[in-house]
Amino acid sequence: VDRDKIINGSSLKSGDVIIGLPSSGLHSNGFSLARKVLLEQAGLNLKDYLPELGSTLGEAMLTPTRIYVQDVLPLLSKYQVKGMAHITGGGLVENLPRVFPDGVQAEIDLNSWEVPPVFQLIQKLGEVAEEEMFRVFNMGVGYCLMVDLLDVPGILADCAEAFVMGKITSGAGKVLFYREGK
C-alpha cells in the first residue's frame, strides 16, 4: 500500500464513530474458556443439539471465521476510514486501542448489537463475568471501522450488516462500555 494510504488510526479524533460488522461466532478465539465451560463444567457433548444455538454445540463452536475483505474493500475506496480493528483474541478491550493515537478512547454502547447465543451460553453456564467475556471473546463483533461522523449514513447504506456501536472520545486509550436506552 502507498505510505500515504496506510490506515493506522493516527487521524482519529473525538467525535469519530465506531461501526461494527458482526462476527460469525467464536472466530477461533477463546476456545480454552469455551471448552472448559461448555464441555468440562456443563458436561455438554459436541453432538448435543442446543435449541438456543439452533445447531449442535460442535457446529456452533466450529462455525468458520468470517472474512471481511469483501465488505471492507469497497468502503475503503469510497470513504475515509481512519482506523480498523479485527476483533480477535483480546476482544474489543485489547484490539481497538491498537489503533488509537494518544489522547483518545472508545465508548461502546453494549445495546447496539445482539450478543450471539453461543456467548450468552458460555457466560451463563460458566458464570463468567461480563468484563471477562469482553476480554476473551469478540461477543458478536468481528470487525470495527472508525470513521468520520459524516461518512456514517453512506457506510450503513452500502454495508447492510454494519451498525453504529460507539464513538471515539477524548481519553487515555481505553475502551469503556455503557448501555444506552433499553
C-alpha atoms as a PDB file:
ATOM      1  CA  VAL A   1       0.000   0.000   0.000  1.00  0.00           C
ATOM      2  CA  ASP A   2       1.186   3.525  -0.670  1.00  0.00           C
ATOM      3  CA  ARG A   3       2.566   5.062   2.515  1.00  0.00           C
ATOM      4  CA  ASP A   4       0.040   7.936   2.358  1.00  0.00           C
ATOM      5  CA  LYS A   5      -2.850   5.439   2.179  1.00  0.00           C
ATOM      6  CA  ILE A   6      -1.937   3.401   5.264  1.00  0.00           C
ATOM      7  CA  ILE A   7      -4.825   3.277   7.723  1.00  0.00           C
ATOM      8  CA  ASN A   8      -3.176   3.440  11.124  1.00  0.00           C
ATOM      9  CA  GLY A   9      -5.615   5.387  13.294  1.00  0.00           C
ATOM     10  CA  SER A  10      -3.356   8.436  13.572  1.00  0.00           C
ATOM     11  CA  SER A  11      -6.126  10.786  12.405  1.00  0.00           C
ATOM     12  CA  LEU A  12      -8.745   9.528  14.881  1.00  0.00           C
ATOM     13  CA  LYS A  13     -10.308  12.272  16.978  1.00  0.00           C
ATOM     14  CA  SER A  14     -13.089  12.788  19.455  1.00  0.00           C
ATOM     15  CA  GLY A  15     -16.412  12.656  17.645  1.00  0.00           C
ATOM     16  CA  ASP A  16     -15.439   9.911  15.189  1.00  0.00           C
ATOM     17  CA  VAL A  17     -17.768   6.920  15.062  1.00  0.00           C
ATOM     18  CA  ILE A  18     -17.121   3.202  15.531  1.00  0.00           C
ATOM     19  CA  ILE A  19     -19.014   0.945  13.141  1.00  0.00           C
ATOM     20  CA  GLY A  20     -19.207  -2.775  13.806  1.00  0.00           C
ATOM     21  CA  LEU A  21     -19.557  -5.736  11.494  1.00  0.00           C
ATOM     22  CA  PRO A  22     -20.983  -8.920  13.026  1.00  0.00           C
ATOM     23  CA  SER A  23     -18.890 -11.996  13.671  1.00  0.00           C
ATOM     24  CA  SER A  24     -19.965 -15.473  12.635  1.00  0.00           C
ATOM     25  CA  GLY A  25     -19.254 -16.877  16.097  1.00  0.00           C
ATOM     26  CA  LEU A  26     -16.186 -17.673  18.162  1.00  0.00           C
ATOM     27  CA  HIS A  27     -13.730 -16.928  15.315  1.00  0.00           C
ATOM     28  CA  SER A  28     -11.170 -19.371  16.724  1.00  0.00           C
ATOM     29  CA  ASN A  29     -10.643 -17.319  19.881  1.00  0.00           C
ATOM     30  CA  GLY A  30     -11.327 -18.184  23.485  1.00  0.00           C
ATOM     31  CA  PHE A  31     -11.561 -21.919  22.916  1.00  0.00           C
ATOM     32  CA  SER A  32      -9.806 -22.766  26.197  1.00  0.00           C
ATOM     33  CA  LEU A  33     -12.523 -20.973  28.165  1.00  0.00           C
ATOM     34  CA  ALA A  34     -15.316 -22.191  25.867  1.00  0.00           C
ATOM     35  CA  ARG A  35     -14.216 -25.846  26.211  1.00  0.00           C
ATOM     36  CA  LYS A  36     -13.758 -25.544  29.959  1.00  0.00           C
ATOM     37  CA  VAL A  37     -17.247 -24.081  30.468  1.00  0.00           C
ATOM     38  CA  LEU A  38     -19.254 -25.999  27.883  1.00  0.00           C
ATOM     39  CA  LEU A  39     -17.572 -29.399  27.846  1.00  0.00           C
ATOM     40  CA  GLU A  40     -15.966 -29.756  31.277  1.00  0.00           C
ATOM     41  CA  GLN A  41     -18.141 -27.730  33.669  1.00  0.00           C
ATOM     42  CA  ALA A  42     -21.523 -28.082  31.945  1.00  0.00           C
ATOM     43  CA  GLY A  43     -20.804 -31.612  30.680  1.00  0.00           C
ATOM     44  CA  LEU A  44     -22.217 -30.925  27.229  1.00  0.00           C
ATOM     45  CA  ASN A  45     -21.267 -33.031  24.217  1.00  0.00           C
ATOM     46  CA  LEU A  46     -20.258 -31.582  20.858  1.00  0.00           C
ATOM     47  CA  LYS A  47     -23.065 -33.655  19.269  1.00  0.00           C
ATOM     48  CA  ASP A  48     -25.736 -32.185  21.582  1.00  0.00           C
ATOM     49  CA  TYR A  49     -28.356 -30.160  19.705  1.00  0.00           C
ATOM     50  CA  LEU A  50     -28.988 -26.965  21.657  1.00  0.00           C
ATOM     51  CA  PRO A  51     -32.195 -25.126  20.690  1.00  0.00           C
ATOM     52  CA  GLU A  52     -30.799 -21.782  21.854  1.00  0.00           C
ATOM     53  CA  LEU A  53     -27.960 -22.200  19.323  1.00  0.00           C
ATOM     54  CA  GLY A  54     -30.134 -23.647  16.566  1.00  0.00           C
ATOM     55  CA  SER A  55     -27.414 -26.244  15.960  1.00  0.00           C
ATOM     56  CA  THR A  56     -25.265 -28.805  17.681  1.00  0.00           C
ATOM     57  CA  LEU A  57     -22.678 -27.461  20.075  1.00  0.00           C
ATOM     58  CA  GLY A  58     -19.922 -28.687  17.750  1.00  0.00           C
ATOM     59  CA  GLU A  59     -21.420 -26.859  14.760  1.00  0.00           C
ATOM     60  CA  ALA A  60     -21.689 -23.645  16.767  1.00  0.00           C
ATOM     61  CA  MET A  61     -18.127 -23.906  18.033  1.00  0.00           C
ATOM     62  CA  LEU A  62     -16.719 -24.681  14.594  1.00  0.00           C
ATOM     63  CA  THR A  63     -18.585 -22.071  12.568  1.00  0.00           C
ATOM     64  CA  PRO A  64     -15.939 -20.760  10.156  1.00  0.00           C
ATOM     65  CA  THR A  65     -14.406 -17.380  10.895  1.00  0.00           C
ATOM     66  CA  ARG A  66     -15.955 -14.648   8.801  1.00  0.00           C
ATOM     67  CA  ILE A  67     -13.587 -12.883   6.415  1.00  0.00           C
ATOM     68  CA  TYR A  68     -14.260  -9.153   5.991  1.00  0.00           C
ATOM     69  CA  VAL A  69     -12.341  -8.300   2.812  1.00  0.00           C
ATOM     70  CA  GLN A  70     -15.401  -8.196   0.534  1.00  0.00           C
ATOM     71  CA  ASP A  71     -17.249  -5.959   2.996  1.00  0.00           C
ATOM     72  CA  VAL A  72     -14.396  -3.559   3.716  1.00  0.00           C
ATOM     73  CA  LEU A  73     -12.562  -3.062   0.394  1.00  0.00           C
ATOM     74  CA  PRO A  74     -15.439  -1.225  -1.348  1.00  0.00           C
ATOM     75  CA  LEU A  75     -15.753   1.100   1.656  1.00  0.00           C
ATOM     76  CA  LEU A  76     -12.058   1.983   1.568  1.00  0.00           C
ATOM     77  CA  SER A  77     -12.329   3.342  -1.952  1.00  0.00           C
ATOM     78  CA  LYS A  78     -15.402   5.422  -1.160  1.00  0.00           C
ATOM     79  CA  TYR A  79     -14.943   6.705   2.415  1.00  0.00           C
ATOM     80  CA  GLN A  80     -12.154   7.958   4.630  1.00  0.00           C
ATOM     81  CA  VAL A  81     -11.725   5.055   7.026  1.00  0.00           C
ATOM     82  CA  LYS A  82      -9.460   6.324   9.797  1.00  0.00           C
ATOM     83  CA  GLY A  83      -8.960   3.119  11.757  1.00  0.00           C
ATOM     84  CA  MET A  84      -9.806  -0.565  11.570  1.00  0.00           C
ATOM     85  CA  ALA A  85      -9.609  -3.446  14.008  1.00  0.00           C
ATOM     86  CA  HIS A  86     -10.172  -7.156  13.516  1.00  0.00           C
ATOM     87  CA  ILE A  87     -11.638  -8.337  16.810  1.00  0.00           C
ATOM     88  CA  THR A  88      -9.660 -11.453  17.669  1.00  0.00           C
ATOM     89  CA  GLY A  89      -8.304 -12.781  20.965  1.00  0.00           C
ATOM     90  CA  GLY A  90      -8.419  -9.960  23.475  1.00  0.00           C
ATOM     91  CA  GLY A  91     -11.823  -8.831  22.239  1.00  0.00           C
ATOM     92  CA  LEU A  92     -12.764  -5.192  21.866  1.00  0.00           C
ATOM     93  CA  VAL A  93     -10.805  -4.319  25.011  1.00  0.00           C
ATOM     94  CA  GLU A  94      -7.401  -5.147  23.524  1.00  0.00           C
ATOM     95  CA  ASN A  95      -7.921  -4.811  19.768  1.00  0.00           C
ATOM     96  CA  LEU A  96      -9.453  -1.332  19.446  1.00  0.00           C
ATOM     97  CA  PRO A  97      -6.702   0.522  21.378  1.00  0.00           C
ATOM     98  CA  ARG A  98      -4.048  -0.801  18.996  1.00  0.00           C
ATOM     99  CA  VAL A  99      -5.058   1.884  16.501  1.00  0.00           C
ATOM    100  CA  PHE A 100      -5.660   4.771  18.914  1.00  0.00           C
ATOM    101  CA  PRO A 101      -3.369   7.780  18.804  1.00  0.00           C
ATOM    102  CA  ASP A 102      -2.588   9.434  22.140  1.00  0.00           C
ATOM    103  CA  GLY A 103      -5.493  11.236  23.764  1.00  0.00           C
ATOM    104  CA  VAL A 104      -8.478   9.180  22.571  1.00  0.00           C
ATOM    105  CA  GLN A 105     -10.537   6.258  23.806  1.00  0.00           C
ATOM    106  CA  ALA A 106     -13.624   4.315  22.729  1.00  0.00           C
ATOM    107  CA  GLU A 107     -17.078   4.403  24.262  1.00  0.00           C
ATOM    108  CA  ILE A 108     -19.106   1.352  23.227  1.00  0.00           C
ATOM    109  CA  ASP A 109     -22.880   1.004  23.607  1.00  0.00           C
ATOM    110  CA  LEU A 110     -23.491  -2.615  24.592  1.00  0.00           C
ATOM    111  CA  ASN A 111     -27.118  -2.316  23.474  1.00  0.00           C
ATOM    112  CA  SER A 112     -26.170  -1.540  19.874  1.00  0.00           C
ATOM    113  CA  TRP A 113     -25.992  -5.200  18.820  1.00  0.00           C
ATOM    114  CA  GLU A 114     -27.324  -8.562  19.948  1.00  0.00           C
ATOM    115  CA  VAL A 115     -24.714 -10.815  21.547  1.00  0.00           C
ATOM    116  CA  PRO A 116     -24.966 -14.212  19.784  1.00  0.00           C
ATOM    117  CA  PRO A 117     -26.349 -17.167  21.735  1.00  0.00           C
ATOM    118  CA  VAL A 118     -23.043 -19.078  21.916  1.00  0.00           C
ATOM    119  CA  PHE A 119     -21.513 -16.276  24.003  1.00  0.00           C
ATOM    120  CA  GLN A 120     -24.624 -15.967  26.170  1.00  0.00           C
ATOM    121  CA  LEU A 121     -24.475 -19.717  26.835  1.00  0.00           C
ATOM    122  CA  ILE A 122     -20.806 -19.614  27.845  1.00  0.00           C
ATOM    123  CA  GLN A 123     -21.407 -16.655  30.141  1.00  0.00           C
ATOM    124  CA  LYS A 124     -24.469 -18.223  31.770  1.00  0.00           C
ATOM    125  CA  LEU A 125     -23.183 -21.787  32.222  1.00  0.00           C
ATOM    126  CA  GLY A 126     -19.724 -20.694  33.341  1.00  0.00           C
ATOM    127  CA  GLU A 127     -20.922 -17.751  35.418  1.00  0.00           C
ATOM    128  CA  VAL A 128     -18.284 -15.743  33.570  1.00  0.00           C
ATOM    129  CA  ALA A 129     -18.199 -12.039  34.374  1.00  0.00           C
ATOM    130  CA  GLU A 130     -19.210  -9.765  31.520  1.00  0.00           C
ATOM    131  CA  GLU A 131     -15.848  -7.987  31.731  1.00  0.00           C
ATOM    132  CA  GLU A 132     -14.035 -11.295  31.175  1.00  0.00           C
ATOM    133  CA  MET A 133     -16.326 -12.209  28.273  1.00  0.00           C
ATOM    134  CA  PHE A 134     -15.444  -8.950  26.511  1.00  0.00           C
ATOM    135  CA  ARG A 135     -11.739  -9.506  27.168  1.00  0.00           C
ATOM    136  CA  VAL A 136     -11.696 -13.058  25.775  1.00  0.00           C
ATOM    137  CA  PHE A 137     -14.327 -13.141  23.002  1.00  0.00           C
ATOM    138  CA  ASN A 138     -15.487 -10.948  20.126  1.00  0.00           C
ATOM    139  CA  MET A 139     -19.028 -11.089  21.592  1.00  0.00           C
ATOM    140  CA  GLY A 140     -20.568 -10.853  18.126  1.00  0.00           C
ATOM    141  CA  VAL A 141     -18.440  -8.034  16.703  1.00  0.00           C
ATOM    142  CA  GLY A 142     -15.809  -9.339  14.303  1.00  0.00           C
ATOM    143  CA  TYR A 143     -14.525  -6.136  12.714  1.00  0.00           C
ATOM    144  CA  CYS A 144     -14.631  -2.418  13.505  1.00  0.00           C
ATOM    145  CA  LEU A 145     -14.222   0.636  11.323  1.00  0.00           C
ATOM    146  CA  MET A 146     -13.543   4.066  12.766  1.00  0.00           C
ATOM    147  CA  VAL A 147     -14.837   6.861  10.566  1.00  0.00           C
ATOM    148  CA  ASP A 148     -15.906  10.485  10.467  1.00  0.00           C
ATOM    149  CA  LEU A 149     -19.498  11.082  11.554  1.00  0.00           C
ATOM    150  CA  LEU A 150     -20.357  12.444   8.095  1.00  0.00           C
ATOM    151  CA  ASP A 151     -19.493   9.102   6.442  1.00  0.00           C
ATOM    152  CA  VAL A 152     -21.736   7.009   8.696  1.00  0.00           C
ATOM    153  CA  PRO A 153     -25.005   7.202   6.678  1.00  0.00           C
ATOM    154  CA  GLY A 154     -23.254   6.186   3.462  1.00  0.00           C
ATOM    155  CA  ILE A 155     -21.377   3.305   5.068  1.00  0.00           C
ATOM    156  CA  LEU A 156     -24.542   1.983   6.698  1.00  0.00           C
ATOM    157  CA  ALA A 157     -26.344   2.192   3.346  1.00  0.00           C
ATOM    158  CA  ASP A 158     -23.506   0.459   1.486  1.00  0.00           C
ATOM    159  CA  CYS A 159     -22.942  -2.295   4.045  1.00  0.00           C
ATOM    160  CA  ALA A 160     -26.274  -3.713   5.202  1.00  0.00           C
ATOM    161  CA  GLU A 161     -24.892  -5.607   8.211  1.00  0.00           C
ATOM    162  CA  ALA A 162     -22.919  -2.657   9.595  1.00  0.00           C
ATOM    163  CA  PHE A 163     -24.122  -0.924  12.754  1.00  0.00           C
ATOM    164  CA  VAL A 164     -23.046   2.051  14.847  1.00  0.00           C
ATOM    165  CA  MET A 165     -21.679   0.689  18.095  1.00  0.00           C
ATOM    166  CA  GLY A 166     -19.837   3.576  19.668  1.00  0.00           C
ATOM    167  CA  LYS A 167     -17.735   6.661  19.368  1.00  0.00           C
ATOM    168  CA  ILE A 168     -14.253   7.980  19.867  1.00  0.00           C
ATOM    169  CA  THR A 169     -13.879  10.441  22.730  1.00  0.00           C
ATOM    170  CA  SER A 170     -11.007  12.191  24.455  1.00  0.00           C
ATOM    171  CA  GLY A 171      -9.297   9.886  26.913  1.00  0.00           C
ATOM    172  CA  ALA A 172      -6.433   7.624  27.845  1.00  0.00           C
ATOM    173  CA  GLY A 173      -6.633   4.849  25.235  1.00  0.00           C
ATOM    174  CA  LYS A 174      -9.206   2.684  26.976  1.00  0.00           C
ATOM    175  CA  VAL A 175     -12.405   1.016  25.851  1.00  0.00           C
ATOM    176  CA  LEU A 176     -15.348   1.991  28.034  1.00  0.00           C
ATOM    177  CA  PHE A 177     -18.697   0.203  27.890  1.00  0.00           C
ATOM    178  CA  TYR A 178     -22.153   1.573  28.645  1.00  0.00           C
ATOM    179  CA  ARG A 179     -25.774   0.642  27.954  1.00  0.00           C
ATOM    180  CA  GLU A 180     -27.926   3.206  26.167  1.00  0.00           C
ATOM    181  CA  GLY A 181     -31.703   3.007  26.387  1.00  0.00           C
ATOM    182  CA  LYS A 182     -33.130  -0.500  26.598  1.00  0.00           C
END
